[in-house]
Amino acid sequence: LSVIGCHHVDDVVLDAPWTVSDALIKSLNVSVVVDGRLVDMSGQRTEEHNPFVPDPFESLRPSGAVQVVEIKSETSVSNIVSRVAHNRDRWEQRQAAKAKAEEGFWQEKHANAANGQACH
């Protein structure tokens, strides 16, 4: 849905079929279908073609209705995994501090309730 917010996108078909047919394109009066390809900053493709997944635009490619857009990004699955692993210790420390503070809150609340004091 975040694609809808892009200023260069006129419309987005929600719940669209995986394979885009010529009939669908004509019925919706679509002039351009965009196929994004992830490439690294040097222009090398970073995603592998999966031979078990059919090309959703196969029937449209001969007509020229499909425009391939290269998306330069340093973000990849391996990059994300690396960042998560790198930040794991910091995250665990933050979660432990939150858990300790929460435990202290509940202990104080239960102690106050047991002594008949009002809880804040």
Foldseek 3Di string as FASTA:
>chain_A
DVVVVDPVDDDDDPPDDQADDPVNCVVVVQQADEDEFEDEPVRHTDDDDDPVDDDSCVNPVVVVRYDYDYDYDPDDPVVVVVVCVVCVVVVVVVVVVVVVVVVVLVVVQVVCVVVVHDRD
